[in-house]
Amino acid sequence: MQQEEQTKNFQSFLKQNLNEMQLKAVEQKSGSLLVIAGAGSGKTRIITARIANLILNENEIPDSIIALTFTNKAALEMKERINVWLPIDSNFPFPFIGTFHSFCLKNSKN
């Protein structure tokens, strides 16, 4: 899938699957984002959509984005959701998505 088509599909996803407050969080252009919401309210959807939006629509460099979570299961879920929107290419940099522990371990090795 070419990036133009991916971006078009992503825009369609945003309009069809997010409410007004979720869309506002996704489209925030700069700074950190803290999402506080109950279970099943779409937090992972918002975070993964925001990451994809920053890359596809705001031309952020993917490997400048860091998404931290507490569990490997949550990190894997986020990676899988983002893979739907980003190009699958070994030359395409990918945002760091992982646990706090894996982030610290990675940085301590560098």
Protein backbone atom coordinates (compact mmCIF):
# COMPACT_ATOMS: atom_id res chain seq x y z
CA MET A 1 0.00 0.00 0.00
CA GLN A 2 1.44 3.39 -0.96
CA GLN A 3 1.71 6.16 1.59
CA GLU A 4 -0.98 8.28 -0.13
CA GLU A 5 -3.47 5.44 0.12
CA GLN A 6 -2.43 4.70 3.70
CA THR A 7 -2.99 8.35 4.64
CA LYS A 8 -6.41 8.38 2.96
CA ASN A 9 -7.45 5.18 4.75
CA PHE A 10 -6.14 6.57 8.03
CA GLN A 11 -8.15 9.80 7.64
CA SER A 12 -11.26 7.72 6.97
CA PHE A 13 -10.56 5.66 10.10
CA LEU A 14 -10.27 8.83 12.21
CA LYS A 15 -13.60 10.23 11.01
CA GLN A 16 -15.48 6.96 11.40
CA ASN A 17 -14.04 5.60 14.66
CA LEU A 18 -13.22 8.49 16.98
CA ASN A 19 -15.46 10.84 18.91
CA GLU A 20 -14.75 14.58 19.18
CA MET A 21 -12.55 14.38 22.30
CA GLN A 22 -10.58 11.41 20.97
CA LEU A 23 -9.98 13.21 17.66
CA LYS A 24 -8.81 16.30 19.54
CA ALA A 25 -6.22 14.20 21.40
CA VAL A 26 -5.07 12.49 18.20
CA GLU A 27 -4.65 15.77 16.33
CA GLN A 28 -2.71 17.56 19.09
CA LYS A 29 0.40 18.60 17.18
CA SER A 30 3.06 19.12 19.80
CA GLY A 31 4.01 18.23 23.31
CA SER A 32 3.30 15.26 25.50
CA LEU A 33 -0.10 13.71 25.83
CA LEU A 34 -1.58 12.14 28.96
CA VAL A 35 -4.71 10.09 28.41
CA ILE A 36 -6.74 9.37 31.53
CA ALA A 37 -9.80 7.24 30.95
CA GLY A 38 -11.51 4.09 32.16
CA ALA A 39 -11.06 0.55 30.86
CA GLY A 40 -12.37 -0.02 27.35
CA SER A 41 -12.69 3.68 26.56
CA GLY A 42 -10.23 3.72 23.65
CA LYS A 43 -6.95 4.84 25.23
CA THR A 44 -4.82 2.51 23.09
CA ARG A 45 -6.74 3.54 19.98
CA ILE A 46 -6.06 7.22 20.75
CA ILE A 47 -2.36 6.74 21.43
CA THR A 48 -1.71 4.57 18.38
CA ALA A 49 -3.76 6.87 16.15
CA ARG A 50 -1.83 9.88 17.46
CA ILE A 51 1.49 8.22 16.66
CA ALA A 52 0.30 7.37 13.14
CA ASN A 53 -1.08 10.90 12.71
CA LEU A 54 2.22 12.49 13.73
CA ILE A 55 4.08 10.38 11.18
CA LEU A 56 1.61 10.42 8.29
CA ASN A 57 0.18 13.94 8.58
CA GLU A 58 2.70 15.97 10.57
CA ASN A 59 5.89 14.53 9.03
CA GLU A 60 7.41 13.60 12.37
CA ILE A 61 10.44 11.34 12.19
CA PRO A 62 9.14 7.95 13.40
CA ASP A 63 12.17 7.03 15.49
CA SER A 64 11.85 10.34 17.40
CA ILE A 65 8.61 9.04 18.97
CA ILE A 66 8.59 6.99 22.17
CA ALA A 67 5.51 5.22 23.54
CA LEU A 68 5.96 3.58 26.94
CA THR A 69 3.66 1.13 28.66
CA PHE A 70 3.80 -1.21 31.64
CA THR A 71 3.40 -4.60 29.97
CA ASN A 72 4.85 -6.43 26.96
CA LYS A 73 1.31 -7.42 25.98
CA ALA A 74 0.23 -3.77 25.76
CA ALA A 75 3.38 -2.83 23.80
CA LEU A 76 2.75 -5.64 21.31
CA GLU A 77 -0.88 -4.55 20.88
CA MET A 78 0.23 -0.98 20.18
CA LYS A 79 2.84 -2.13 17.63
CA GLU A 80 0.27 -4.27 15.82
CA ARG A 81 -2.21 -1.39 15.62
CA ILE A 82 0.40 1.07 14.33
CA ASN A 83 1.62 -1.43 11.72
CA VAL A 84 -1.78 -1.14 10.06
CA TRP A 85 -1.08 2.51 9.19
CA LEU A 86 2.67 2.71 8.64
CA PRO A 87 4.61 1.43 5.64
CA ILE A 88 5.98 -2.07 6.07
CA ASP A 89 9.54 -1.56 4.92
CA SER A 90 12.78 -2.61 6.57
CA ASN A 91 14.25 0.81 5.68
CA PHE A 92 11.38 2.70 7.33
CA PRO A 93 12.26 3.70 10.91
CA PHE A 94 9.71 2.67 13.51
CA PRO A 95 8.82 4.51 16.74
CA PHE A 96 10.04 2.94 19.97
CA ILE A 97 7.07 1.20 21.56
CA GLY A 98 7.82 -0.85 24.63
CA THR A 99 7.87 -1.09 28.38
CA PHE A 100 9.61 1.32 30.70
CA HIS A 101 12.04 -1.48 31.53
CA SER A 102 12.88 -2.29 27.90
CA PHE A 103 13.42 1.42 27.16
CA CYS A 104 15.84 1.79 30.08
CA LEU A 105 17.67 -1.42 29.14
CA LYS A 106 18.03 -0.30 25.52
CA ASN A 107 19.42 3.07 26.56
CA SER A 108 21.78 1.63 29.14
CA LYS A 109 23.33 -0.56 26.41
CA ASN A 110 23.92 2.42 24.13
